[in-house]
Amino acid sequence: MRILLAEDQAMVRGALASLLTLSSNHELVEAADGDSALKLLKAEHFDVLLSDIEMPGRSGLELAAWLQQQQSKTKVIIITTFGRSGYVRRALDCGVSGFLLKDAPVDDLLAAIDKVLAGKRVIDSELALLALGEQDPLSDKERRALRLAGEGKSTAEIAAILFIAEGTVRNYLSEAMAKLNAVNRVEAARLAQQKGWL
């Protein structure tokens, strides 16, 4: 069985890789960010994608959404430090099979991999309760524009990255600010980040 481990923090990635290698006979491939993981997913077959959420380039949720669009058989398990309701809900919407916190025991992770490969879904019970929280009001386009704004990108830079007009970017950001009752794009990005909607 082949596992792709996508994690941008080198120490965490190394520790997880060591634990997985010592505890099982799975073939493990590592990716240091979301874009590298996407290249590997496009080029090779993996049985499981074990991914962090917040990484440079594409997030773990964006990778899960891409796999879902491709109707891939690759199962996705999200491992994260952040138990935010928006993350859990979006993960479930993207067809994620597992969602665990990074402080879970390694035995739980190994058991989750086996269960997911057997066709089951494994969600940390506390996180499952969180998923019943507030609904994410943002559209995918608003979310992408807001995420880039939160990274400090200008309207022109966001327009260039998303291949849309600057006026359209302003509209997306204005809509997001209105939905979040934020006074500016920075506050909107911060609020959305806290809720797990970015």
C-alpha atoms as a PDB file:
ATOM      1  CA  MET A   1       0.000   0.000   0.000  1.00  0.00           C
ATOM      2  CA  ARG A   2       1.264   3.461  -0.906  1.00  0.00           C
ATOM      3  CA  ILE A   3       0.784   6.491   1.344  1.00  0.00           C
ATOM      4  CA  LEU A   4       1.488  10.096   0.355  1.00  0.00           C
ATOM      5  CA  LEU A   5       2.305  12.197   3.417  1.00  0.00           C
ATOM      6  CA  ALA A   6       1.788  15.932   2.786  1.00  0.00           C
ATOM      7  CA  GLU A   7       3.069  18.073   5.671  1.00  0.00           C
ATOM      8  CA  ASP A   8       5.007  21.343   5.446  1.00  0.00           C
ATOM      9  CA  GLN A   9       6.645  21.248   8.883  1.00  0.00           C
ATOM     10  CA  ALA A  10       9.806  19.218   8.394  1.00  0.00           C
ATOM     11  CA  MET A  11      10.057  18.011  11.996  1.00  0.00           C
ATOM     12  CA  VAL A  12       6.425  16.854  12.119  1.00  0.00           C
ATOM     13  CA  ARG A  13       6.716  15.231   8.672  1.00  0.00           C
ATOM     14  CA  GLY A  14       9.912  13.424   9.711  1.00  0.00           C
ATOM     15  CA  ALA A  15       8.385  12.178  12.961  1.00  0.00           C
ATOM     16  CA  LEU A  16       5.218  10.944  11.224  1.00  0.00           C
ATOM     17  CA  ALA A  17       7.240   9.290   8.465  1.00  0.00           C
ATOM     18  CA  SER A  18       9.429   7.495  11.017  1.00  0.00           C
ATOM     19  CA  LEU A  19       6.425   6.303  13.023  1.00  0.00           C
ATOM     20  CA  LEU A  20       4.604   5.062   9.940  1.00  0.00           C
ATOM     21  CA  THR A  21       7.690   3.338   8.553  1.00  0.00           C
ATOM     22  CA  LEU A  22       8.464   1.619  11.862  1.00  0.00           C
ATOM     23  CA  SER A  23       4.866   0.635  12.579  1.00  0.00           C
ATOM     24  CA  SER A  24       3.788  -0.721   9.209  1.00  0.00           C
ATOM     25  CA  ASN A  25       4.989  -2.096   5.906  1.00  0.00           C
ATOM     26  CA  HIS A  26       3.444   0.694   3.836  1.00  0.00           C
ATOM     27  CA  GLU A  27       5.419   2.440   1.114  1.00  0.00           C
ATOM     28  CA  LEU A  28       5.639   6.096   2.110  1.00  0.00           C
ATOM     29  CA  VAL A  29       6.268   9.122  -0.129  1.00  0.00           C
ATOM     30  CA  GLU A  30       6.669  12.603   1.382  1.00  0.00           C
ATOM     31  CA  ALA A  31       5.628  16.035   0.078  1.00  0.00           C
ATOM     32  CA  ALA A  32       6.690  19.284   1.771  1.00  0.00           C
ATOM     33  CA  ASP A  33       3.740  21.371   0.551  1.00  0.00           C
ATOM     34  CA  GLY A  34       0.399  21.190  -1.201  1.00  0.00           C
ATOM     35  CA  ASP A  35       1.690  21.935  -4.690  1.00  0.00           C
ATOM     36  CA  SER A  36       4.320  19.168  -4.473  1.00  0.00           C
ATOM     37  CA  ALA A  37       1.637  16.780  -3.240  1.00  0.00           C
ATOM     38  CA  LEU A  38      -0.619  17.656  -6.179  1.00  0.00           C
ATOM     39  CA  LYS A  39       2.191  16.945  -8.670  1.00  0.00           C
ATOM     40  CA  LEU A  40       2.736  13.532  -7.076  1.00  0.00           C
ATOM     41  CA  LEU A  41      -1.004  12.773  -7.077  1.00  0.00           C
ATOM     42  CA  LYS A  42      -1.171  13.622 -10.784  1.00  0.00           C
ATOM     43  CA  ALA A  43       1.851  11.462 -11.628  1.00  0.00           C
ATOM     44  CA  GLU A  44       1.451   8.403  -9.401  1.00  0.00           C
ATOM     45  CA  HIS A  45      -1.193   6.256  -7.667  1.00  0.00           C
ATOM     46  CA  PHE A  46      -1.536   6.361  -3.888  1.00  0.00           C
ATOM     47  CA  ASP A  47      -3.940   4.387  -1.736  1.00  0.00           C
ATOM     48  CA  VAL A  48      -4.010   7.059   0.975  1.00  0.00           C
ATOM     49  CA  LEU A  49      -3.246  10.772   1.146  1.00  0.00           C
ATOM     50  CA  LEU A  50      -2.342  11.702   4.719  1.00  0.00           C
ATOM     51  CA  SER A  51      -2.378  15.489   4.729  1.00  0.00           C
ATOM     52  CA  ASP A  52      -2.147  18.539   6.939  1.00  0.00           C
ATOM     53  CA  ILE A  53      -4.657  21.309   6.182  1.00  0.00           C
ATOM     54  CA  GLU A  54      -2.623  24.503   6.297  1.00  0.00           C
ATOM     55  CA  MET A  55       0.364  24.277   3.942  1.00  0.00           C
ATOM     56  CA  PRO A  56       2.046  26.555   1.407  1.00  0.00           C
ATOM     57  CA  GLY A  57       0.447  26.226  -2.024  1.00  0.00           C
ATOM     58  CA  ARG A  58      -2.679  24.103  -1.908  1.00  0.00           C
ATOM     59  CA  SER A  59      -4.261  23.202   1.409  1.00  0.00           C
ATOM     60  CA  GLY A  60      -5.091  19.653   2.409  1.00  0.00           C
ATOM     61  CA  LEU A  61      -8.766  20.418   1.798  1.00  0.00           C
ATOM     62  CA  GLU A  62      -8.002  21.667  -1.722  1.00  0.00           C
ATOM     63  CA  LEU A  63      -6.112  18.425  -2.410  1.00  0.00           C
ATOM     64  CA  ALA A  64      -9.111  16.438  -1.141  1.00  0.00           C
ATOM     65  CA  ALA A  65     -11.465  18.470  -3.342  1.00  0.00           C
ATOM     66  CA  TRP A  66      -9.218  17.871  -6.381  1.00  0.00           C
ATOM     67  CA  LEU A  67      -9.198  14.107  -5.739  1.00  0.00           C
ATOM     68  CA  GLN A  68     -12.982  14.165  -5.396  1.00  0.00           C
ATOM     69  CA  GLN A  69     -13.310  15.997  -8.745  1.00  0.00           C
ATOM     70  CA  GLN A  70     -11.067  13.386 -10.376  1.00  0.00           C
ATOM     71  CA  GLN A  71     -13.232  10.615  -8.890  1.00  0.00           C
ATOM     72  CA  SER A  72      -9.997   9.196  -7.514  1.00  0.00           C
ATOM     73  CA  LYS A  73      -9.954   6.030  -5.421  1.00  0.00           C
ATOM     74  CA  THR A  74      -7.281   7.584  -3.180  1.00  0.00           C
ATOM     75  CA  LYS A  75      -8.604   7.844   0.381  1.00  0.00           C
ATOM     76  CA  VAL A  76      -7.893  11.073   2.278  1.00  0.00           C
ATOM     77  CA  ILE A  77      -7.085  11.370   5.971  1.00  0.00           C
ATOM     78  CA  ILE A  78      -6.611  14.885   7.343  1.00  0.00           C
ATOM     79  CA  ILE A  79      -4.315  15.302  10.333  1.00  0.00           C
ATOM     80  CA  THR A  80      -4.301  18.748  11.885  1.00  0.00           C
ATOM     81  CA  THR A  81      -3.503  20.768  14.966  1.00  0.00           C
ATOM     82  CA  PHE A  82      -6.650  22.821  14.456  1.00  0.00           C
ATOM     83  CA  GLY A  83     -10.041  21.419  15.433  1.00  0.00           C
ATOM     84  CA  ARG A  84     -12.141  24.108  13.781  1.00  0.00           C
ATOM     85  CA  SER A  85     -15.756  23.428  12.877  1.00  0.00           C
ATOM     86  CA  GLY A  86     -15.384  24.906   9.391  1.00  0.00           C
ATOM     87  CA  TYR A  87     -12.463  22.598   8.607  1.00  0.00           C
ATOM     88  CA  VAL A  88     -14.361  19.493   9.637  1.00  0.00           C
ATOM     89  CA  ARG A  89     -17.480  20.439   7.677  1.00  0.00           C
ATOM     90  CA  ARG A  90     -15.465  21.311   4.546  1.00  0.00           C
ATOM     91  CA  ALA A  91     -13.471  18.073   4.877  1.00  0.00           C
ATOM     92  CA  LEU A  92     -16.676  16.037   4.971  1.00  0.00           C
ATOM     93  CA  ASP A  93     -18.006  17.949   1.943  1.00  0.00           C
ATOM     94  CA  CYS A  94     -14.775  17.057   0.072  1.00  0.00           C
ATOM     95  CA  GLY A  95     -15.253  13.342   0.747  1.00  0.00           C
ATOM     96  CA  VAL A  96     -12.471  13.045   3.326  1.00  0.00           C
ATOM     97  CA  SER A  97     -12.484   9.601   4.940  1.00  0.00           C
ATOM     98  CA  GLY A  98     -10.585  10.465   8.111  1.00  0.00           C
ATOM     99  CA  PHE A  99     -10.007  13.546  10.261  1.00  0.00           C
ATOM    100  CA  LEU A 100      -7.661  13.319  13.262  1.00  0.00           C
ATOM    101  CA  LEU A 101      -5.795  15.719  15.506  1.00  0.00           C
ATOM    102  CA  LYS A 102      -2.000  15.518  15.427  1.00  0.00           C
ATOM    103  CA  ASP A 103      -1.825  14.812  19.156  1.00  0.00           C
ATOM    104  CA  ALA A 104      -3.714  11.519  18.712  1.00  0.00           C
ATOM    105  CA  PRO A 105      -1.695   8.376  19.582  1.00  0.00           C
ATOM    106  CA  VAL A 106       0.085   6.753  16.632  1.00  0.00           C
ATOM    107  CA  ASP A 107      -1.977   3.591  17.198  1.00  0.00           C
ATOM    108  CA  ASP A 108      -5.108   5.648  16.483  1.00  0.00           C
ATOM    109  CA  LEU A 109      -3.584   6.852  13.216  1.00  0.00           C
ATOM    110  CA  LEU A 110      -2.626   3.338  12.134  1.00  0.00           C
ATOM    111  CA  ALA A 111      -6.092   2.049  13.058  1.00  0.00           C
ATOM    112  CA  ALA A 112      -7.658   4.948  11.125  1.00  0.00           C
ATOM    113  CA  ILE A 113      -5.636   4.056   8.006  1.00  0.00           C
ATOM    114  CA  ASP A 114      -6.817   0.435   8.201  1.00  0.00           C
ATOM    115  CA  LYS A 115     -10.456   1.457   8.749  1.00  0.00           C
ATOM    116  CA  VAL A 116     -10.386   3.981   5.901  1.00  0.00           C
ATOM    117  CA  LEU A 117      -8.919   1.383   3.533  1.00  0.00           C
ATOM    118  CA  ALA A 118     -11.760  -0.941   4.595  1.00  0.00           C
ATOM    119  CA  GLY A 119     -14.236   1.701   3.409  1.00  0.00           C
ATOM    120  CA  LYS A 120     -15.084   3.234   6.771  1.00  0.00           C
ATOM    121  CA  ARG A 121     -14.984   6.883   7.848  1.00  0.00           C
ATOM    122  CA  VAL A 122     -12.983   7.900  10.938  1.00  0.00           C
ATOM    123  CA  ILE A 123     -13.618  11.304  12.491  1.00  0.00           C
ATOM    124  CA  ASP A 124     -12.337  12.267  15.936  1.00  0.00           C
ATOM    125  CA  SER A 125     -15.481  12.360  18.126  1.00  0.00           C
ATOM    126  CA  GLU A 126     -14.808  15.875  19.469  1.00  0.00           C
ATOM    127  CA  LEU A 127     -14.271  17.130  15.928  1.00  0.00           C
ATOM    128  CA  ALA A 128     -17.486  15.484  14.743  1.00  0.00           C
ATOM    129  CA  LEU A 129     -19.396  17.503  17.356  1.00  0.00           C
ATOM    130  CA  LEU A 130     -17.640  20.672  16.196  1.00  0.00           C
ATOM    131  CA  ALA A 131     -18.860  20.020  12.660  1.00  0.00           C
ATOM    132  CA  LEU A 132     -22.382  20.716  13.881  1.00  0.00           C
ATOM    133  CA  GLY A 133     -21.340  24.356  14.456  1.00  0.00           C
ATOM    134  CA  GLU A 134     -21.871  27.388  12.245  1.00  0.00           C
ATOM    135  CA  GLN A 135     -22.384  27.080   8.501  1.00  0.00           C
ATOM    136  CA  ASP A 136     -19.630  28.445   6.248  1.00  0.00           C
ATOM    137  CA  PRO A 137     -21.198  31.412   4.394  1.00  0.00           C
ATOM    138  CA  LEU A 138     -18.357  31.829   1.859  1.00  0.00           C
ATOM    139  CA  SER A 139     -18.415  30.654  -1.745  1.00  0.00           C
ATOM    140  CA  ASP A 140     -15.297  28.928  -3.134  1.00  0.00           C
ATOM    141  CA  LYS A 141     -14.428  32.046  -5.161  1.00  0.00           C
ATOM    142  CA  GLU A 142     -14.796  34.333  -2.143  1.00  0.00           C
ATOM    143  CA  ARG A 143     -12.710  31.927  -0.067  1.00  0.00           C
ATOM    144  CA  ARG A 144      -9.860  31.863  -2.603  1.00  0.00           C
ATOM    145  CA  ALA A 145      -9.798  35.657  -2.941  1.00  0.00           C
ATOM    146  CA  LEU A 146      -9.965  36.133   0.832  1.00  0.00           C
ATOM    147  CA  ARG A 147      -7.203  33.611   1.455  1.00  0.00           C
ATOM    148  CA  LEU A 148      -4.884  35.466  -0.933  1.00  0.00           C
ATOM    149  CA  ALA A 149      -5.866  38.807   0.629  1.00  0.00           C
ATOM    150  CA  GLY A 150      -5.020  37.340   4.033  1.00  0.00           C
ATOM    151  CA  GLU A 151      -1.557  36.508   2.674  1.00  0.00           C
ATOM    152  CA  GLY A 152      -1.107  40.228   1.932  1.00  0.00           C
ATOM    153  CA  LYS A 153      -1.698  40.070  -1.829  1.00  0.00           C
ATOM    154  CA  SER A 154      -3.014  43.193  -3.550  1.00  0.00           C
ATOM    155  CA  THR A 155      -6.197  43.249  -5.616  1.00  0.00           C
ATOM    156  CA  ALA A 156      -4.093  43.218  -8.809  1.00  0.00           C
ATOM    157  CA  GLU A 157      -2.029  40.245  -7.590  1.00  0.00           C
ATOM    158  CA  ILE A 158      -5.154  38.299  -6.601  1.00  0.00           C
ATOM    159  CA  ALA A 159      -6.698  39.031 -10.019  1.00  0.00           C
ATOM    160  CA  ALA A 160      -3.560  37.747 -11.770  1.00  0.00           C
ATOM    161  CA  ILE A 161      -3.369  34.574  -9.662  1.00  0.00           C
ATOM    162  CA  LEU A 162      -7.074  33.741 -10.110  1.00  0.00           C
ATOM    163  CA  PHE A 163      -7.211  34.881 -13.770  1.00  0.00           C
ATOM    164  CA  ILE A 164     -10.110  37.260 -13.133  1.00  0.00           C
ATOM    165  CA  ALA A 165     -10.658  41.026 -13.392  1.00  0.00           C
ATOM    166  CA  GLU A 166      -9.705  43.312 -10.497  1.00  0.00           C
ATOM    167  CA  GLY A 167     -13.334  44.447 -10.251  1.00  0.00           C
ATOM    168  CA  THR A 168     -14.401  40.837  -9.766  1.00  0.00           C
ATOM    169  CA  VAL A 169     -11.821  40.436  -6.973  1.00  0.00           C
ATOM    170  CA  ARG A 170     -13.202  43.550  -5.255  1.00  0.00           C
ATOM    171  CA  ASN A 171     -16.723  42.113  -5.546  1.00  0.00           C
ATOM    172  CA  TYR A 172     -15.674  38.772  -4.016  1.00  0.00           C
ATOM    173  CA  LEU A 173     -13.871  40.510  -1.146  1.00  0.00           C
ATOM    174  CA  SER A 174     -16.785  42.897  -0.520  1.00  0.00           C
ATOM    175  CA  GLU A 175     -19.222  39.964  -0.407  1.00  0.00           C
ATOM    176  CA  ALA A 176     -16.966  38.083   2.007  1.00  0.00           C
ATOM    177  CA  MET A 177     -16.590  41.149   4.247  1.00  0.00           C
ATOM    178  CA  ALA A 178     -20.360  41.649   4.299  1.00  0.00           C
ATOM    179  CA  LYS A 179     -21.045  37.993   5.143  1.00  0.00           C
ATOM    180  CA  LEU A 180     -18.523  38.096   7.995  1.00  0.00           C
ATOM    181  CA  ASN A 181     -19.492  41.598   9.230  1.00  0.00           C
ATOM    182  CA  ALA A 182     -15.848  42.627   8.841  1.00  0.00           C
ATOM    183  CA  VAL A 183     -14.676  46.223   8.372  1.00  0.00           C
ATOM    184  CA  ASN A 184     -11.892  45.286   5.926  1.00  0.00           C
ATOM    185  CA  ARG A 185     -10.371  42.365   4.046  1.00  0.00           C
ATOM    186  CA  VAL A 186      -7.719  41.707   6.718  1.00  0.00           C
ATOM    187  CA  GLU A 187     -10.337  41.355   9.460  1.00  0.00           C
ATOM    188  CA  ALA A 188     -12.487  39.202   7.170  1.00  0.00           C
ATOM    189  CA  ALA A 189      -9.539  36.875   6.470  1.00  0.00           C
ATOM    190  CA  ARG A 190      -8.709  36.678  10.193  1.00  0.00           C
ATOM    191  CA  LEU A 191     -12.323  35.869  11.153  1.00  0.00           C
ATOM    192  CA  ALA A 192     -12.658  33.237   8.409  1.00  0.00           C
ATOM    193  CA  GLN A 193      -9.331  31.702   9.445  1.00  0.00           C
ATOM    194  CA  GLN A 194     -10.455  31.445  13.075  1.00  0.00           C
ATOM    195  CA  LYS A 195     -13.624  29.646  12.023  1.00  0.00           C
ATOM    196  CA  GLY A 196     -11.711  27.256   9.745  1.00  0.00           C
ATOM    197  CA  TRP A 197     -13.409  28.569   6.598  1.00  0.00           C
ATOM    198  CA  LEU A 198     -10.160  29.467   4.775  1.00  0.00           C
END
